[in-house]
Amino acid sequence: MVRPYLLRRLKTDRRILPDLPDRTEVTAWCPLAKRQAALYQRSIEELGERLDEPATQGIQRRGLVLAFLMRLKQICNHPGHWLGDGSFAPEDSGKFQRLTELADEISSRQERVLVFTQFREMTVPLADHLRTVFGRPGLILDGSTPVARRQQLVAQFQEDDGPPFFVLSLKAGGTGLNLTAASHVIHFDRWWNPAVESQATDRAFRIGQKRNVLVHKFACRGTVEERIEELLQSKRELADSVLGSEGGAEKILTEMSNAEILDFVSLNLNSTRVD
């Protein structure tokens, strides 16, 4: 209905920006480490018990579902993220292992990478791990970074001999920054709104970029992250119109029946390993 009145200019249109390089997006499937799988399954069992309690109704039920969705996403990142014990051993997380593989390849090509996470508390562990892989320190930007300091960090990263990686929280670093020195973008965890991820990717894929940009979207097989990925891929039009609003996806999930919720977040052990 609005097509005759809506005009869109996309930077991927070669008639508008013929010199802009290509952007390629891939899902980087990650396995679950044994400790992750045990915590994940234990959490699902606890969720099932809590949902069956008579007092779990209405707004209490919605809050419970959202809390467990957040917990499961944290476990998929690293057990230490959920437990808060300060331990982020790479062998305990399939995502950290996959990040090591990608960072090794990026380092060997002498290229640079942006790493986005929705969780502020993950920025330092990610930066510490990447420092060991690259052999050099990188940069961190999150909601606590002063505005004046943000521009200094951007200028530092954009230098010819700038740091090899930049870890950013999705909300603080996903808009308004020019980071074309990076030719790789990693979304370490997935956001409900695909438009937010696209805006973050555009920190590197924008006017001034001279190299092709490769976007890696991390997701753990056999977990809620795989279902979220399937939802966003198969319902892209719905994601743009309904899930695109803040809180849209969470609202849809909280309205599912108990059986549907448990099926959505269930752990598929046959899929958690990635060849």
Protein backbone atom coordinates (compact mmCIF):
# COMPACT_ATOMS: atom_id res chain seq x y z
CA MET A 1 0.00 0.00 0.00
CA VAL A 2 2.83 2.43 0.77
CA ARG A 3 5.07 1.40 -2.12
CA PRO A 4 4.01 4.26 -4.45
CA TYR A 5 4.81 6.82 -1.73
CA LEU A 6 7.95 5.32 -0.18
CA LEU A 7 11.34 5.92 -1.77
CA ARG A 8 14.43 4.14 -0.39
CA ARG A 9 18.03 4.80 -1.29
CA LEU A 10 20.26 1.89 -0.30
CA LYS A 11 24.02 2.26 -0.17
CA THR A 12 24.30 -1.25 -1.60
CA ASP A 13 22.76 0.07 -4.83
CA ARG A 14 25.68 0.39 -7.25
CA ARG A 15 23.93 3.26 -9.00
CA ILE A 16 24.25 5.32 -5.80
CA LEU A 17 27.62 4.20 -4.40
CA PRO A 18 29.49 2.35 -7.15
CA ASP A 19 32.76 2.29 -5.19
CA LEU A 20 31.45 0.77 -1.95
CA PRO A 21 32.94 -2.73 -1.41
CA ASP A 22 30.86 -5.84 -0.84
CA ARG A 23 29.45 -6.99 2.48
CA THR A 24 29.10 -10.70 3.23
CA GLU A 25 27.19 -11.97 6.25
CA VAL A 26 27.68 -15.51 7.57
CA THR A 27 26.39 -17.36 10.62
CA ALA A 28 29.34 -18.67 12.61
CA TRP A 29 27.95 -21.80 14.25
CA CYS A 30 29.57 -22.61 17.57
CA PRO A 31 29.52 -25.81 19.64
CA LEU A 32 28.67 -25.96 23.32
CA ALA A 33 31.43 -26.99 25.70
CA LYS A 34 30.50 -29.68 28.23
CA ARG A 35 30.19 -27.20 31.08
CA GLN A 36 27.94 -24.98 28.97
CA ALA A 37 25.68 -27.88 28.00
CA ALA A 38 25.30 -28.99 31.64
CA LEU A 39 24.38 -25.49 32.83
CA TYR A 40 22.01 -24.99 29.90
CA GLN A 41 20.12 -28.25 30.53
CA ARG A 42 19.91 -27.56 34.26
CA SER A 43 18.44 -24.12 33.54
CA ILE A 44 15.75 -25.56 31.25
CA GLU A 45 14.73 -28.05 33.91
CA GLU A 46 14.49 -25.23 36.45
CA LEU A 47 12.43 -23.14 34.02
CA GLY A 48 9.98 -26.01 33.55
CA GLU A 49 9.54 -26.38 37.29
CA ARG A 50 9.03 -22.65 37.81
CA LEU A 51 6.47 -22.42 34.99
CA ASP A 52 4.40 -25.17 36.61
CA GLU A 53 4.10 -23.27 39.88
CA PRO A 54 0.55 -21.90 40.43
CA ALA A 55 1.90 -18.47 41.36
CA THR A 56 3.63 -18.06 38.00
CA GLN A 57 0.99 -16.07 36.16
CA GLY A 58 0.64 -12.78 34.27
CA ILE A 59 3.47 -10.30 34.66
CA GLN A 60 5.40 -12.69 36.95
CA ARG A 61 5.39 -15.28 34.18
CA ARG A 62 6.60 -12.78 31.59
CA GLY A 63 9.41 -11.66 33.87
CA LEU A 64 10.40 -15.27 34.53
CA VAL A 65 10.55 -16.13 30.82
CA LEU A 66 12.63 -13.05 29.99
CA ALA A 67 15.01 -13.75 32.87
CA PHE A 68 15.61 -17.31 31.71
CA LEU A 69 16.02 -16.27 28.08
CA MET A 70 18.73 -13.87 29.25
CA ARG A 71 20.33 -16.58 31.37
CA LEU A 72 20.44 -19.03 28.46
CA LYS A 73 22.03 -16.43 26.20
CA GLN A 74 24.65 -15.73 28.88
CA ILE A 75 25.43 -19.43 29.21
CA CYS A 76 25.86 -19.63 25.43
CA ASN A 77 28.45 -16.85 25.72
CA HIS A 78 30.43 -18.44 28.53
CA PRO A 79 29.59 -20.19 31.84
CA GLY A 80 31.51 -17.48 33.66
CA HIS A 81 29.14 -14.89 32.23
CA TRP A 82 26.12 -16.42 33.95
CA LEU A 83 27.91 -17.59 37.10
CA GLY A 84 29.73 -14.30 37.59
CA ASP A 85 32.76 -16.10 38.99
CA GLY A 86 35.29 -14.14 36.90
CA SER A 87 36.53 -17.30 35.17
CA PHE A 88 36.57 -17.08 31.38
CA ALA A 89 38.73 -20.03 30.35
CA PRO A 90 38.48 -20.34 26.53
CA GLU A 91 38.04 -24.11 26.67
CA ASP A 92 34.77 -23.67 28.61
CA SER A 93 33.06 -21.82 25.76
CA GLY A 94 32.47 -22.86 22.16
CA LYS A 95 32.15 -19.19 21.22
CA PHE A 96 35.55 -18.34 22.69
CA GLN A 97 37.07 -21.23 20.76
CA ARG A 98 35.48 -20.04 17.53
CA LEU A 99 36.60 -16.48 18.29
CA THR A 100 40.17 -17.75 18.66
CA GLU A 101 40.03 -19.40 15.24
CA LEU A 102 38.68 -16.28 13.55
CA ALA A 103 41.08 -13.93 15.33
CA ASP A 104 44.04 -16.11 14.33
CA GLU A 105 43.00 -15.87 10.69
CA ILE A 106 42.34 -12.13 10.86
CA SER A 107 45.71 -11.58 12.56
CA SER A 108 47.53 -13.60 9.92
CA ARG A 109 46.06 -11.30 7.24
CA GLN A 110 47.02 -8.22 9.26
CA GLU A 111 43.40 -7.08 9.20
CA ARG A 112 41.28 -5.61 11.97
CA VAL A 113 37.97 -6.52 13.57
CA LEU A 114 35.05 -5.03 15.49
CA VAL A 115 33.48 -7.30 18.13
CA PHE A 116 29.99 -6.39 19.34
CA THR A 117 28.24 -7.77 22.42
CA GLN A 118 24.98 -6.70 24.00
CA PHE A 119 26.45 -7.32 27.47
CA ARG A 120 28.70 -4.67 28.95
CA GLU A 121 30.20 -7.19 31.39
CA MET A 122 31.53 -9.25 28.45
CA THR A 123 33.64 -6.47 26.92
CA VAL A 124 36.66 -6.86 29.23
CA PRO A 125 36.81 -10.71 29.08
CA LEU A 126 36.58 -10.55 25.28
CA ALA A 127 39.31 -7.91 25.07
CA ASP A 128 41.56 -9.87 27.44
CA HIS A 129 41.16 -13.00 25.33
CA LEU A 130 41.73 -11.21 22.02
CA ARG A 131 44.86 -9.58 23.40
CA THR A 132 46.40 -13.02 23.89
CA VAL A 133 45.46 -14.05 20.34
CA PHE A 134 46.66 -10.91 18.56
CA GLY A 135 49.62 -10.37 20.85
CA ARG A 136 48.62 -6.70 21.16
CA PRO A 137 46.04 -4.84 23.25
CA GLY A 138 42.90 -3.49 21.66
CA LEU A 139 40.20 -1.00 22.58
CA ILE A 140 36.96 -1.17 24.58
CA LEU A 141 33.91 1.07 24.36
CA ASP A 142 30.76 0.68 26.43
CA GLY A 143 28.08 2.82 28.04
CA SER A 144 30.45 4.04 30.74
CA THR A 145 32.92 5.52 28.24
CA PRO A 146 32.75 9.35 28.32
CA VAL A 147 31.67 11.00 25.07
CA ALA A 148 34.97 12.87 24.66
CA ARG A 149 36.90 9.64 25.17
CA ARG A 150 34.85 7.86 22.49
CA GLN A 151 36.15 10.13 19.74
CA GLN A 152 39.69 9.59 20.95
CA LEU A 153 39.21 5.82 20.75
CA VAL A 154 37.79 6.09 17.23
CA ALA A 155 40.71 8.23 16.07
CA GLN A 156 43.16 5.78 17.63
CA PHE A 157 41.56 2.79 15.92
CA GLN A 158 41.45 4.55 12.55
CA GLU A 159 45.21 5.18 12.53
CA ASP A 160 47.26 3.15 10.04
CA ASP A 161 49.04 1.31 12.84
CA GLY A 162 46.03 1.30 15.16
CA PRO A 163 44.96 -1.53 17.47
CA PRO A 164 43.95 -4.82 15.81
CA PHE A 165 40.56 -5.10 17.49
CA PHE A 166 37.82 -3.00 19.03
CA VAL A 167 35.29 -4.51 21.47
CA LEU A 168 32.06 -2.52 21.75
CA SER A 169 28.78 -2.87 23.58
CA LEU A 170 25.98 -2.96 21.04
CA LYS A 171 23.96 -0.05 22.39
CA ALA A 172 26.91 2.29 23.04
CA GLY A 173 28.96 1.53 19.93
CA GLY A 174 26.31 0.50 17.44
CA THR A 175 25.58 3.97 16.01
CA GLY A 176 27.36 7.16 15.08
CA LEU A 177 30.93 5.85 14.85
CA ASN A 178 33.16 5.64 11.77
CA LEU A 179 35.34 2.54 12.10
CA THR A 180 36.23 1.72 8.50
CA ALA A 181 39.71 0.54 9.51
CA ALA A 182 38.03 -2.80 10.30
CA SER A 183 37.12 -5.20 7.53
CA HIS A 184 35.61 -7.82 9.87
CA VAL A 185 32.62 -7.49 12.19
CA ILE A 186 31.75 -10.13 14.80
CA HIS A 187 28.40 -10.20 16.59
CA PHE A 188 29.36 -12.30 19.59
CA ASP A 189 25.76 -12.59 20.77
CA ARG A 190 22.53 -11.93 18.91
CA TRP A 191 20.10 -9.09 19.48
CA TRP A 192 16.33 -9.48 19.02
CA ASN A 193 16.17 -6.58 16.59
CA PRO A 194 18.04 -7.26 13.31
CA ALA A 195 18.04 -3.53 12.50
CA VAL A 196 20.21 -2.87 15.57
CA GLU A 197 22.75 -5.43 14.35
CA SER A 198 22.73 -3.87 10.89
CA GLN A 199 23.41 -0.44 12.35
CA ALA A 200 26.36 -1.87 14.27
CA THR A 201 27.71 -3.55 11.14
CA ASP A 202 27.51 -0.19 9.38
CA ARG A 203 30.24 1.17 11.66
CA ALA A 204 32.60 -0.63 9.25
CA PHE A 205 30.42 -0.97 6.14
CA ARG A 206 30.01 2.68 5.23
CA ILE A 207 31.35 5.39 2.94
CA GLY A 208 35.12 5.39 3.25
CA GLN A 209 35.47 1.62 3.45
CA LYS A 210 38.01 0.35 0.90
CA ARG A 211 37.87 -3.39 1.58
CA ASN A 212 35.15 -6.03 1.49
CA VAL A 213 33.50 -6.46 4.88
CA LEU A 214 32.88 -9.93 6.32
CA VAL A 215 30.26 -10.13 9.09
CA HIS A 216 30.33 -13.14 11.44
CA LYS A 217 27.19 -13.74 13.51
CA PHE A 218 27.88 -16.18 16.35
CA ALA A 219 25.19 -18.67 17.39
CA CYS A 220 25.29 -21.94 19.33
CA ARG A 221 23.77 -24.96 17.61
CA GLY A 222 20.98 -26.82 19.35
CA THR A 223 20.10 -23.91 21.65
CA VAL A 224 17.72 -20.96 21.81
CA GLU A 225 20.23 -19.03 19.68
CA GLU A 226 19.65 -21.41 16.77
CA ARG A 227 15.88 -20.86 17.05
CA ILE A 228 16.36 -17.11 17.15
CA GLU A 229 18.53 -17.33 14.02
CA GLU A 230 15.88 -19.43 12.25
CA LEU A 231 13.18 -16.99 13.31
CA LEU A 232 15.05 -13.99 11.96
CA GLN A 233 16.01 -15.72 8.73
CA SER A 234 12.59 -17.21 7.88
CA LYS A 235 10.58 -14.22 9.03
CA ARG A 236 12.74 -11.33 7.83
CA GLU A 237 9.74 -9.29 6.72
CA LEU A 238 8.05 -9.90 10.07
CA ALA A 239 11.28 -9.02 11.88
CA ASP A 240 11.45 -5.69 10.09
CA SER A 241 7.84 -4.74 10.78
CA VAL A 242 7.03 -6.34 14.15
CA LEU A 243 10.21 -7.55 15.82
CA GLY A 244 11.93 -4.38 14.73
CA SER A 245 10.28 -2.45 17.52
CA GLU A 246 12.02 -2.49 20.86
CA GLY A 247 10.86 -5.48 22.89
CA GLY A 248 8.83 -7.01 20.04
CA ALA A 249 10.46 -10.44 20.00
CA GLU A 250 10.53 -10.73 23.77
CA LYS A 251 6.79 -9.98 23.92
CA ILE A 252 5.99 -12.67 21.34
CA LEU A 253 8.05 -15.27 23.23
CA THR A 254 6.50 -14.45 26.60
CA GLU A 255 3.03 -15.06 25.13
CA MET A 256 3.90 -18.64 24.13
CA SER A 257 2.42 -21.53 26.06
CA ASN A 258 4.62 -23.35 28.58
CA ALA A 259 5.16 -26.24 26.18
CA GLU A 260 6.05 -23.88 23.32
CA ILE A 261 8.55 -21.98 25.47
CA LEU A 262 10.28 -25.14 26.67
CA ASP A 263 10.43 -26.46 23.11
CA PHE A 264 11.84 -23.14 21.88
CA VAL A 265 14.69 -23.11 24.40
CA SER A 266 15.27 -26.88 24.61
CA LEU A 267 18.78 -28.26 24.23
CA ASN A 268 19.35 -30.48 21.19
CA LEU A 269 22.45 -32.49 22.10
CA ASN A 270 22.64 -33.94 18.57
CA SER A 271 23.22 -30.43 17.20
CA THR A 272 25.48 -28.85 19.80
CA ARG A 273 28.66 -30.11 18.18
CA VAL A 274 29.87 -28.38 15.03
CA ASP A 275 32.10 -30.23 12.57
